[in-house]
Amino acid sequence: MRERKVGPDVITHNTAISACGKGGQWELSLAALAQMLQRGPDPNEISFNAAIKACEIARKWEWSLHLLEAMQCRLLVPNVISCSAAMRACVRGSVWQGALGVFD
């Protein structure tokens, strides 16, 4: 890709975020999302959903809720995938009030 001066696009980044999350590397998922936020391309709902799912798998409920807020700050609307993954992260962490807070 570099030889042709083609950079990774949002789909490439989303794939990396998802793969890291599925592999239990939630920190790498968040690092990939952070790289998008700093250097581009701009993350979309799928980017955040993949990162939230990575946090769910790792039982990092605090991060999943933080990412929901970050989505909204970027004017992205959390959808059923984002909300359910964040809720499951809270439930797995035995943080019932956090799960209920997703509805607010």
N, C-alpha and C. Protein backbone atom coordinates (compact mmCIF):
# COMPACT_ATOMS: atom_id res chain seq x y z
N MET A 1 0.82 -1.18 0.00
CA MET A 1 0.00 0.00 0.00
C MET A 1 0.87 1.25 0.00
N ARG A 2 1.97 1.20 0.73
CA ARG A 2 2.83 2.38 0.79
C ARG A 2 3.49 2.68 -0.54
N GLU A 3 3.80 1.62 -1.29
CA GLU A 3 4.43 1.83 -2.59
C GLU A 3 3.51 2.61 -3.51
N ARG A 4 2.24 2.40 -3.39
CA ARG A 4 1.27 3.11 -4.22
C ARG A 4 0.77 4.37 -3.54
N LYS A 5 1.31 4.66 -2.37
CA LYS A 5 0.94 5.84 -1.59
C LYS A 5 -0.55 5.83 -1.23
N VAL A 6 -1.01 4.64 -0.92
CA VAL A 6 -2.40 4.48 -0.49
C VAL A 6 -2.37 4.16 1.00
N GLY A 7 -3.07 4.97 1.77
CA GLY A 7 -3.11 4.75 3.21
C GLY A 7 -4.30 3.91 3.61
N PRO A 8 -4.26 3.41 4.82
CA PRO A 8 -5.40 2.64 5.31
C PRO A 8 -6.63 3.52 5.45
N ASP A 9 -7.78 2.98 5.09
CA ASP A 9 -9.02 3.74 5.19
C ASP A 9 -9.77 3.33 6.46
N VAL A 10 -10.96 3.86 6.62
CA VAL A 10 -11.75 3.59 7.82
C VAL A 10 -12.08 2.10 7.94
N ILE A 11 -12.29 1.43 6.83
CA ILE A 11 -12.60 -0.01 6.86
C ILE A 11 -11.40 -0.79 7.37
N THR A 12 -10.21 -0.43 6.92
CA THR A 12 -8.99 -1.09 7.37
C THR A 12 -8.81 -0.92 8.88
N HIS A 13 -9.00 0.31 9.34
CA HIS A 13 -8.88 0.57 10.78
C HIS A 13 -9.95 -0.19 11.57
N ASN A 14 -11.18 -0.19 11.08
CA ASN A 14 -12.25 -0.89 11.78
C ASN A 14 -11.95 -2.39 11.89
N THR A 15 -11.40 -2.94 10.83
CA THR A 15 -11.03 -4.35 10.83
C THR A 15 -9.96 -4.63 11.88
N ALA A 16 -8.98 -3.73 11.97
CA ALA A 16 -7.92 -3.89 12.97
C ALA A 16 -8.48 -3.79 14.39
N ILE A 17 -9.35 -2.82 14.62
CA ILE A 17 -9.96 -2.65 15.95
C ILE A 17 -10.73 -3.91 16.33
N SER A 18 -11.51 -4.41 15.40
CA SER A 18 -12.31 -5.61 15.65
C SER A 18 -11.43 -6.83 15.90
N ALA A 19 -10.41 -7.02 15.07
CA ALA A 19 -9.53 -8.18 15.22
C ALA A 19 -8.79 -8.15 16.56
N CYS A 20 -8.32 -6.99 16.95
CA CYS A 20 -7.64 -6.87 18.24
C CYS A 20 -8.60 -7.22 19.38
N GLY A 21 -9.81 -6.71 19.29
CA GLY A 21 -10.79 -7.00 20.33
C GLY A 21 -11.12 -8.47 20.43
N LYS A 22 -11.32 -9.12 19.28
CA LYS A 22 -11.64 -10.55 19.28
C LYS A 22 -10.48 -11.38 19.80
N GLY A 23 -9.26 -10.84 19.64
CA GLY A 23 -8.07 -11.53 20.14
C GLY A 23 -7.74 -11.21 21.58
N GLY A 24 -8.63 -10.49 22.25
CA GLY A 24 -8.41 -10.16 23.65
C GLY A 24 -7.45 -9.00 23.88
N GLN A 25 -7.13 -8.29 22.83
CA GLN A 25 -6.20 -7.16 22.92
C GLN A 25 -6.96 -5.84 22.95
N TRP A 26 -7.75 -5.64 23.98
CA TRP A 26 -8.61 -4.46 24.06
C TRP A 26 -7.80 -3.17 24.05
N GLU A 27 -6.62 -3.19 24.65
CA GLU A 27 -5.80 -1.98 24.68
C GLU A 27 -5.35 -1.59 23.27
N LEU A 28 -5.03 -2.59 22.45
CA LEU A 28 -4.65 -2.31 21.06
C LEU A 28 -5.85 -1.78 20.28
N SER A 29 -7.03 -2.30 20.58
CA SER A 29 -8.25 -1.78 19.94
C SER A 29 -8.41 -0.29 20.23
N LEU A 30 -8.24 0.07 21.50
CA LEU A 30 -8.38 1.47 21.88
C LEU A 30 -7.25 2.31 21.28
N ALA A 31 -6.06 1.75 21.17
CA ALA A 31 -4.95 2.48 20.57
C ALA A 31 -5.22 2.75 19.09
N ALA A 32 -5.80 1.77 18.41
CA ALA A 32 -6.13 1.97 16.99
C ALA A 32 -7.21 3.04 16.83
N LEU A 33 -8.18 3.04 17.72
CA LEU A 33 -9.22 4.08 17.68
C LEU A 33 -8.60 5.44 17.98
N ALA A 34 -7.72 5.49 18.96
CA ALA A 34 -7.05 6.76 19.30
C ALA A 34 -6.24 7.28 18.12
N GLN A 35 -5.60 6.37 17.41
CA GLN A 35 -4.83 6.78 16.23
C GLN A 35 -5.75 7.41 15.18
N MET A 36 -6.91 6.83 15.00
CA MET A 36 -7.88 7.40 14.06
C MET A 36 -8.29 8.80 14.50
N LEU A 37 -8.53 8.95 15.80
CA LEU A 37 -8.96 10.25 16.32
C LEU A 37 -7.87 11.31 16.14
N GLN A 38 -6.62 10.89 16.23
CA GLN A 38 -5.50 11.83 16.12
C GLN A 38 -5.09 12.11 14.69
N ARG A 39 -5.02 11.05 13.87
CA ARG A 39 -4.45 11.19 12.53
C ARG A 39 -5.42 10.94 11.38
N GLY A 40 -6.59 10.40 11.72
CA GLY A 40 -7.53 10.07 10.67
C GLY A 40 -7.32 8.66 10.19
N PRO A 41 -8.20 8.18 9.38
CA PRO A 41 -9.46 8.80 8.98
C PRO A 41 -10.42 8.90 10.18
N ASP A 42 -11.40 9.76 10.05
CA ASP A 42 -12.35 9.94 11.14
C ASP A 42 -13.09 8.63 11.42
N PRO A 43 -13.15 8.25 12.70
CA PRO A 43 -13.88 7.02 13.03
C PRO A 43 -15.38 7.21 12.84
N ASN A 44 -16.05 6.12 12.56
CA ASN A 44 -17.50 6.15 12.42
C ASN A 44 -18.14 5.28 13.51
N GLU A 45 -19.43 5.06 13.42
CA GLU A 45 -20.13 4.27 14.42
C GLU A 45 -19.54 2.86 14.52
N ILE A 46 -19.16 2.30 13.39
CA ILE A 46 -18.60 0.95 13.37
C ILE A 46 -17.28 0.91 14.13
N SER A 47 -16.49 1.95 13.99
CA SER A 47 -15.21 2.04 14.71
C SER A 47 -15.45 1.98 16.21
N PHE A 48 -16.38 2.80 16.68
CA PHE A 48 -16.68 2.83 18.11
C PHE A 48 -17.33 1.53 18.56
N ASN A 49 -18.22 0.98 17.75
CA ASN A 49 -18.86 -0.28 18.11
C ASN A 49 -17.82 -1.38 18.31
N ALA A 50 -16.84 -1.45 17.42
CA ALA A 50 -15.80 -2.47 17.53
C ALA A 50 -14.97 -2.28 18.80
N ALA A 51 -14.67 -1.03 19.13
CA ALA A 51 -13.91 -0.75 20.35
C ALA A 51 -14.73 -1.06 21.60
N ILE A 52 -16.01 -0.72 21.57
CA ILE A 52 -16.88 -1.02 22.71
C ILE A 52 -17.00 -2.54 22.89
N LYS A 53 -17.12 -3.26 21.79
CA LYS A 53 -17.19 -4.72 21.84
C LYS A 53 -15.90 -5.29 22.43
N ALA A 54 -14.75 -4.72 22.06
CA ALA A 54 -13.47 -5.16 22.63
C ALA A 54 -13.47 -4.97 24.14
N CYS A 55 -14.01 -3.86 24.59
CA CYS A 55 -14.11 -3.59 26.03
C CYS A 55 -15.08 -4.55 26.71
N GLU A 56 -16.14 -4.88 26.00
CA GLU A 56 -17.10 -5.86 26.55
C GLU A 56 -16.42 -7.19 26.77
N ILE A 57 -15.70 -7.67 25.76
CA ILE A 57 -15.02 -8.96 25.85
C ILE A 57 -14.03 -8.96 27.01
N ALA A 58 -13.34 -7.84 27.20
CA ALA A 58 -12.33 -7.74 28.26
C ALA A 58 -12.91 -7.35 29.61
N ARG A 59 -14.23 -7.16 29.65
CA ARG A 59 -14.91 -6.75 30.89
C ARG A 59 -14.42 -5.40 31.40
N LYS A 60 -14.16 -4.51 30.49
CA LYS A 60 -13.72 -3.15 30.83
C LYS A 60 -14.92 -2.23 30.69
N TRP A 61 -15.86 -2.35 31.61
CA TRP A 61 -17.12 -1.62 31.51
C TRP A 61 -16.91 -0.11 31.56
N GLU A 62 -15.92 0.36 32.34
CA GLU A 62 -15.70 1.80 32.43
C GLU A 62 -15.37 2.39 31.05
N TRP A 63 -14.50 1.67 30.33
CA TRP A 63 -14.11 2.13 29.01
C TRP A 63 -15.28 2.08 28.03
N SER A 64 -16.11 1.06 28.15
CA SER A 64 -17.26 0.97 27.23
C SER A 64 -18.18 2.16 27.41
N LEU A 65 -18.42 2.57 28.66
CA LEU A 65 -19.27 3.74 28.90
C LEU A 65 -18.58 5.02 28.43
N HIS A 66 -17.28 5.09 28.63
CA HIS A 66 -16.53 6.26 28.15
C HIS A 66 -16.63 6.39 26.63
N LEU A 67 -16.54 5.26 25.94
CA LEU A 67 -16.62 5.29 24.48
C LEU A 67 -18.00 5.70 24.00
N LEU A 68 -19.05 5.30 24.71
CA LEU A 68 -20.40 5.76 24.36
C LEU A 68 -20.48 7.29 24.43
N GLU A 69 -19.91 7.85 25.49
CA GLU A 69 -19.89 9.31 25.63
C GLU A 69 -19.06 9.95 24.53
N ALA A 70 -17.92 9.35 24.23
CA ALA A 70 -17.04 9.90 23.19
C ALA A 70 -17.74 9.91 21.83
N MET A 71 -18.53 8.88 21.56
CA MET A 71 -19.30 8.85 20.31
C MET A 71 -20.20 10.07 20.22
N GLN A 72 -20.92 10.32 21.30
CA GLN A 72 -21.88 11.42 21.30
C GLN A 72 -21.17 12.77 21.19
N CYS A 73 -19.99 12.88 21.79
CA CYS A 73 -19.22 14.13 21.67
C CYS A 73 -18.81 14.38 20.22
N ARG A 74 -18.66 13.31 19.46
CA ARG A 74 -18.29 13.43 18.04
C ARG A 74 -19.53 13.47 17.14
N LEU A 75 -20.69 13.63 17.77
CA LEU A 75 -21.98 13.70 17.06
C LEU A 75 -22.32 12.41 16.33
N LEU A 76 -21.83 11.30 16.87
CA LEU A 76 -22.21 9.98 16.37
C LEU A 76 -23.25 9.42 17.32
N VAL A 77 -24.26 8.80 16.78
CA VAL A 77 -25.36 8.30 17.60
C VAL A 77 -25.14 6.83 17.92
N PRO A 78 -25.01 6.50 19.22
CA PRO A 78 -24.90 5.08 19.58
C PRO A 78 -26.15 4.33 19.11
N ASN A 79 -25.93 3.15 18.56
CA ASN A 79 -27.05 2.36 18.07
C ASN A 79 -27.24 1.13 18.96
N VAL A 80 -28.08 0.23 18.55
CA VAL A 80 -28.39 -0.94 19.36
C VAL A 80 -27.13 -1.77 19.61
N ILE A 81 -26.23 -1.81 18.66
CA ILE A 81 -24.99 -2.58 18.82
C ILE A 81 -24.11 -1.95 19.89
N SER A 82 -23.93 -0.63 19.81
CA SER A 82 -23.09 0.07 20.79
C SER A 82 -23.67 -0.08 22.19
N CYS A 83 -24.95 0.18 22.31
CA CYS A 83 -25.60 0.16 23.63
C CYS A 83 -25.63 -1.23 24.23
N SER A 84 -25.94 -2.24 23.42
CA SER A 84 -26.02 -3.59 23.98
C SER A 84 -24.64 -4.09 24.40
N ALA A 85 -23.60 -3.75 23.64
CA ALA A 85 -22.24 -4.16 24.02
C ALA A 85 -21.81 -3.48 25.31
N ALA A 86 -22.12 -2.20 25.45
CA ALA A 86 -21.79 -1.48 26.68
C ALA A 86 -22.57 -2.04 27.86
N MET A 87 -23.83 -2.36 27.63
CA MET A 87 -24.64 -2.94 28.70
C MET A 87 -24.10 -4.30 29.13
N ARG A 88 -23.72 -5.12 28.16
CA ARG A 88 -23.17 -6.44 28.50
C ARG A 88 -21.86 -6.30 29.27
N ALA A 89 -21.05 -5.30 28.90
CA ALA A 89 -19.80 -5.07 29.64
C ALA A 89 -20.10 -4.74 31.10
N CYS A 90 -21.11 -3.92 31.32
CA CYS A 90 -21.50 -3.56 32.69
C CYS A 90 -22.04 -4.77 33.45
N VAL A 91 -22.87 -5.55 32.79
CA VAL A 91 -23.44 -6.73 33.43
C VAL A 91 -22.33 -7.71 33.80
N ARG A 92 -21.40 -7.93 32.89
CA ARG A 92 -20.29 -8.84 33.17
C ARG A 92 -19.41 -8.33 34.31
N GLY A 93 -19.36 -7.03 34.47
CA GLY A 93 -18.61 -6.44 35.57
C GLY A 93 -19.45 -6.27 36.82
N SER A 94 -20.66 -6.81 36.81
CA SER A 94 -21.60 -6.71 37.94
C SER A 94 -21.90 -5.26 38.32
N VAL A 95 -21.97 -4.41 37.31
CA VAL A 95 -22.28 -3.00 37.52
C VAL A 95 -23.64 -2.74 36.90
N TRP A 96 -24.68 -3.14 37.61
CA TRP A 96 -26.04 -3.07 37.08
C TRP A 96 -26.48 -1.64 36.83
N GLN A 97 -26.10 -0.73 37.70
CA GLN A 97 -26.52 0.66 37.51
C GLN A 97 -25.88 1.27 36.27
N GLY A 98 -24.66 0.84 35.96
CA GLY A 98 -24.03 1.30 34.72
C GLY A 98 -24.79 0.81 33.51
N ALA A 99 -25.25 -0.44 33.57
CA ALA A 99 -26.03 -0.99 32.47
C ALA A 99 -27.33 -0.23 32.29
N LEU A 100 -27.99 0.08 33.41
CA LEU A 100 -29.24 0.83 33.32
C LEU A 100 -29.00 2.26 32.85
N GLY A 101 -27.83 2.81 33.16
CA GLY A 101 -27.50 4.17 32.74
C GLY A 101 -27.37 4.32 31.24
N VAL A 102 -27.16 3.22 30.54
CA VAL A 102 -27.07 3.27 29.07
C VAL A 102 -28.39 3.77 28.49
N PHE A 103 -29.48 3.53 29.19
CA PHE A 103 -30.79 3.97 28.70
C PHE A 103 -31.00 5.47 28.82
N ASP A 104 -30.19 6.13 29.65
CA ASP A 104 -30.36 7.59 29.85
C ASP A 104 -29.89 8.39 28.66
